[in-house]
Protein backbone atom coordinates (compact mmCIF):
# COMPACT_ATOMS: atom_id res chain seq x y z
CA MET A 1 -0.19 0.07 0.24
CA GLU A 2 1.01 3.67 -0.93
CA SER A 3 0.78 6.93 0.48
CA LEU A 4 -0.04 9.74 -2.24
CA THR A 5 3.07 11.61 -3.20
CA LEU A 6 3.72 15.33 -4.44
CA ASP A 7 5.04 13.70 -8.18
CA THR A 8 1.91 11.86 -8.44
CA ALA A 9 -0.60 14.47 -7.52
CA LEU A 10 1.09 17.01 -9.68
CA GLN A 11 1.49 14.50 -12.73
CA GLY A 12 -1.07 15.21 -15.54
CA ASN A 13 -1.67 18.70 -14.23
CA GLN A 14 -0.14 21.77 -16.03
CA GLY A 15 0.07 23.78 -12.49
CA LYS A 16 3.35 23.63 -10.44
CA ASP A 17 2.00 23.49 -6.94
CA LEU A 18 -1.15 21.31 -5.17
CA GLU A 19 -3.11 24.65 -5.02
CA THR A 20 -3.76 24.55 -8.76
CA VAL A 21 -5.05 21.10 -9.12
CA LYS A 22 -8.57 20.65 -9.96
CA LYS A 23 -8.88 17.14 -11.23
CA LEU A 24 -7.18 14.23 -9.88
CA ASN A 25 -7.52 10.58 -11.39
CA LEU A 26 -6.01 7.75 -8.90
CA TRP A 27 -7.96 5.35 -9.75
CA ALA A 28 -6.45 1.53 -8.54
CA SER A 29 -3.11 3.22 -7.34
CA ASP A 30 -3.01 0.92 -4.16
CA LEU A 31 -3.51 4.26 -2.12
CA ASN A 32 -4.10 3.50 1.65
CA ASP A 33 -2.82 7.47 2.92
CA VAL A 34 -4.51 10.53 0.79
CA SER A 35 -3.52 12.97 3.27
CA LEU A 36 -1.65 15.22 0.75
CA VAL A 37 -5.12 16.58 -0.73
CA LYS A 38 -5.14 18.42 2.45
CA GLU A 39 -3.20 21.16 0.52
CA MET A 40 -5.61 20.95 -2.80
CA PRO A 41 -8.25 23.37 -1.71
CA ASN A 42 -9.29 23.91 -5.12
CA LEU A 43 -9.55 20.37 -6.41
CA GLU A 44 -13.21 19.80 -7.88
CA ILE A 45 -13.13 16.05 -9.10
CA LEU A 46 -11.41 13.44 -6.99
CA VAL A 47 -11.19 9.81 -8.51
CA LEU A 48 -10.14 7.30 -5.62
CA SER A 49 -12.08 4.21 -6.87
CA ALA A 50 -10.33 0.91 -6.25
CA ASN A 51 -7.78 1.47 -3.37
CA ASN A 52 -7.37 0.93 0.27
CA ILE A 53 -9.00 4.25 1.70
CA SER A 54 -10.35 3.85 5.20
CA SER A 55 -11.17 7.35 6.56
CA LEU A 56 -12.61 10.19 4.90
CA LYS A 57 -11.02 12.80 7.50
CA ASP A 58 -8.54 14.48 4.78
CA ILE A 59 -10.73 15.25 2.16
CA GLN A 60 -13.00 17.38 4.70
CA PHE A 61 -10.52 20.33 3.62
CA CYS A 62 -11.10 19.74 -0.20
CA GLU A 63 -13.73 22.64 0.19
CA ASN A 64 -14.31 23.10 -3.93
CA LEU A 65 -14.95 19.50 -4.40
CA ARG A 66 -18.01 18.65 -6.64
CA GLU A 67 -17.48 14.93 -7.56
CA LEU A 68 -16.02 12.25 -5.34
CA TYR A 69 -15.81 9.10 -6.53
CA LEU A 70 -14.83 6.19 -3.66
CA ARG A 71 -16.05 2.99 -4.88
CA ASN A 72 -14.56 -0.49 -3.47
CA ASN A 73 -12.28 1.19 -0.90
CA LYS A 74 -12.21 0.12 3.16
CA ILE A 75 -14.33 2.71 4.52
CA LYS A 76 -16.00 0.59 7.37
CA SER A 77 -18.10 2.78 9.52
CA LEU A 78 -20.60 5.16 7.65
CA ASN A 79 -19.45 8.10 10.42
CA GLU A 80 -16.96 8.73 7.98
CA ILE A 81 -19.24 10.87 5.90
CA TYR A 82 -19.58 13.66 8.76
CA TYR A 83 -16.13 14.64 7.15
CA LEU A 84 -18.21 15.47 3.93
CA LYS A 85 -20.88 17.73 5.62
CA GLY A 86 -18.99 20.71 5.16
CA LEU A 87 -18.45 20.40 1.40
CA LYS A 88 -21.38 22.53 0.12
CA ASN A 89 -20.37 21.86 -3.44
CA LEU A 90 -20.55 18.22 -3.51
CA LYS A 91 -23.05 17.05 -5.97
CA ILE A 92 -22.16 13.54 -6.80
CA LEU A 93 -20.58 10.76 -4.66
CA TRP A 94 -19.90 6.73 -5.20
CA LEU A 95 -19.24 5.12 -2.29
CA ASP A 96 -20.84 1.68 -3.11
CA GLU A 97 -18.65 -1.44 -2.63
CA ASN A 98 -17.25 -0.31 0.68
CA PRO A 99 -18.21 -2.25 3.95
CA CYS A 100 -20.14 0.91 5.03
CA SER A 101 -22.55 0.69 1.90
CA TYR A 102 -23.81 -2.53 3.53
CA SER A 103 -24.88 -0.81 6.69
CA LYS A 104 -28.84 -0.28 7.21
CA ASN A 105 -30.57 2.24 5.57
CA TYR A 106 -27.18 3.50 4.13
CA ARG A 107 -28.68 5.54 1.00
CA LEU A 108 -31.24 7.24 3.29
CA SER A 109 -28.76 7.82 5.74
CA VAL A 110 -25.93 9.29 2.91
CA ILE A 111 -28.70 11.80 1.65
CA LYS A 112 -29.74 12.92 5.22
CA ASN A 113 -26.39 14.08 6.18
CA LEU A 114 -24.98 15.22 2.73
CA LYS A 115 -28.20 17.48 1.57
CA ASN A 116 -26.62 18.84 -1.49
CA LEU A 117 -26.21 15.42 -3.19
CA GLU A 118 -27.84 15.02 -6.59
CA TYR A 119 -26.07 11.55 -7.57
CA LEU A 120 -25.26 8.77 -4.71
CA ASP A 121 -23.56 5.76 -6.45
CA ASN A 122 -24.47 6.76 -10.04
CA LYS A 123 -28.26 6.96 -9.43
CA PRO A 124 -30.06 10.72 -9.00
CA ILE A 125 -31.40 11.61 -5.59
CA THR A 126 -35.26 11.99 -5.76
CA GLU A 127 -37.48 14.06 -3.91
CA GLU A 128 -39.13 11.01 -2.54
CA GLU A 129 -35.57 9.64 -1.25
CA VAL A 130 -35.11 12.90 0.68
CA LYS A 131 -38.54 12.96 2.25
CA GLN A 132 -37.76 9.33 3.29
CA ALA A 133 -34.27 10.09 4.79
CA PHE A 134 -35.69 12.96 6.86
CA GLU A 135 -37.40 10.27 8.63
CA ALA A 136 -35.38 6.88 8.20
CA GLY A 137 -32.14 8.31 7.54
CA LEU A 138 -29.40 8.38 10.61
CA GLU A 139 -27.71 11.53 11.72
CA TYR A 140 -23.83 11.15 11.86
CA ASN A 141 -21.80 13.14 14.15
CA ASN A 142 -17.79 13.36 14.14
CA PRO A 143 -16.86 9.78 14.23
CA THR A 144 -13.45 10.83 16.46
CA ASP A 145 -15.85 12.67 19.60
CA SER A 146 -16.53 9.41 21.28
CA ILE A 147 -13.25 7.73 20.72
CA GLU A 148 -11.58 10.80 22.47
CA GLU A 149 -13.79 11.29 25.26
CA TYR A 150 -13.65 7.16 25.75
CA GLU A 151 -9.77 7.52 25.84
CA LYS A 152 -9.93 10.64 28.21
CA LEU A 153 -12.16 8.45 30.83
CA ILE A 154 -10.98 5.23 30.24
CA LEU A 155 -6.92 5.74 30.47
CA PRO A 156 -7.03 6.99 33.96
CA LEU A 157 -8.20 3.75 35.19
CA ASN A 158 -4.76 2.29 34.86
CA ASN A 159 -3.38 4.66 37.24
CA TYR A 160 -6.57 3.91 39.36
CA GLU A 161 -5.39 -0.01 39.24
CA ASN A 162 -2.08 0.87 39.89
CA GLU A 163 -2.60 2.68 43.17
CA ASN A 164 -4.90 -0.10 44.57
CA SER A 165 -1.98 -2.45 43.79
CA ASN A 166 0.83 -0.43 45.41
CA GLY A 167 -0.48 2.16 47.87
CA PHE A 168 -3.97 0.65 49.02
CA LYS A 169 -5.19 -2.85 50.28
CA SER A 170 -8.69 -4.40 48.87
CA ILE A 171 -11.42 -4.90 51.08
CA GLU A 172 -10.46 -8.43 51.86
CA GLU A 173 -7.04 -7.59 52.70
CA THR A 174 -8.09 -4.84 55.17
CA GLU A 175 -10.92 -6.69 56.80
CA LYS A 176 -8.04 -9.49 57.56
CA THR A 177 -5.47 -7.19 58.73
CA TYR A 178 -8.03 -5.95 61.13
CA PHE A 179 -9.32 -9.35 62.46
CA ASP A 180 -5.44 -10.60 62.60
CA SER A 181 -4.49 -7.41 64.66
CA THR A 182 -7.31 -7.31 67.06
CA ASN A 183 -7.85 -11.44 67.32
CA GLY A 184 -11.51 -11.24 66.60
CA LEU A 185 -13.46 -8.17 68.15
CA GLU A 186 -12.26 -8.40 71.95
CA ASN A 187 -9.28 -6.32 71.43
CA ASP A 188 -10.03 -2.75 71.45
CA GLU A 189 -6.31 -2.03 70.33
CA PHE A 190 -6.73 -2.16 66.66
CA GLN A 191 -5.11 0.18 63.90
CA GLU A 192 -7.63 2.73 62.29
CA SER A 193 -5.32 3.65 59.91
CA ASP A 194 -6.61 -0.07 57.95
CA ILE A 195 -9.83 1.34 58.09
CA GLU A 196 -9.11 4.65 56.44
CA LYS A 197 -7.47 2.81 53.64
CA GLY A 198 -10.19 0.43 52.90
CA LYS A 199 -12.66 3.50 52.88
CA GLU A 200 -10.07 5.14 50.28
CA CYS A 201 -10.38 1.68 48.04
CA ILE A 202 -13.87 1.69 47.99
CA SER A 203 -13.86 5.20 46.86
CA GLN A 204 -11.34 4.45 44.02
CA ASP A 205 -13.45 1.61 42.90
CA LYS A 206 -16.30 4.23 42.72
CA ILE A 207 -14.53 6.58 40.61
CA LYS A 208 -13.50 3.65 38.54
CA ASN A 209 -17.27 2.43 37.85
CA ASP A 210 -18.59 5.70 37.33
CA ASN A 211 -15.87 6.68 34.32
CA VAL A 212 -16.53 3.11 33.15
CA LEU A 213 -20.37 4.16 32.83
CA SER A 214 -19.74 7.27 31.49
CA ALA A 215 -17.46 6.01 28.78
CA ILE A 216 -20.23 3.33 27.63
CA LEU A 217 -22.93 5.95 27.58
CA ILE A 218 -20.89 8.32 25.42
CA LEU A 219 -20.29 5.26 22.62
CA LEU A 220 -23.66 4.25 22.97
CA GLU A 221 -24.80 7.38 21.57
CA ASN A 222 -23.18 6.57 18.15
CA LEU A 223 -24.65 3.20 17.88
CA THR A 224 -27.31 2.37 15.01
CA SER A 225 -31.09 1.42 16.31
CA ASN A 226 -30.45 -2.25 15.68
CA GLN A 227 -27.18 -2.36 17.76
CA LEU A 228 -28.77 -0.58 20.37
CA ASP A 229 -31.16 -3.18 20.38
CA GLU A 230 -28.70 -5.92 20.49
CA VAL A 231 -27.48 -3.98 23.64
CA ILE A 232 -30.54 -4.10 25.52
CA VAL A 233 -30.99 -7.71 24.81
CA HIS A 234 -27.34 -8.61 26.10
CA CYS A 235 -28.10 -6.04 29.15
CA GLN A 236 -31.38 -7.93 29.90
CA LYS A 237 -29.33 -11.45 30.08
CA LEU A 238 -26.98 -10.49 32.56
CA LYS A 239 -29.89 -8.61 34.93
CA ASN A 240 -31.55 -11.93 34.75
């Protein structure tokens, strides 16, 4: 797999710099990295069919793009179309034969998010489809939001784990220390510090659980209706 290079981008274009490139045909070039298109603000037609593209993040910077051909690539998540929502001139999009094109309500969801499209996968968009998209299409948010928030919440959990292993005793260890030091409840001379450590351990566990719950709730916001149904069924099984 390859990255788009300056020489390749300028090949066949009369201009000497990326800002002058308006048409770029990279069909079947074994590309998985096209980050260079970020430097092509005047690009109008971009052909990337039959490559290994997995994200549309870099294409969001091509503000004048009118036609985008991405058939037969590696785009798994339909959330990626979020990056095209700011391209007001985009009229033609070919996204078929990507993993995301098999998502439920794929066509209606793309139409709902990219309101200026006129053709999708070589088929004209009808007024009836626009109406249906309003009802059945899914609205997609920035696909990186949930991941970044998830990492912010989850990564500190490792610190809590380390603190429990290095600086805190578990509830069972605290209880054992208490009874060993007092020979049961007969001896009034016991270490209160062990009880305080137990309280700290419980507090850390609560913080950990709260963070896990928050992360889960954030991730749920980006699931489809079918995926949410599966989560509900699984939760009911756990509850029972």
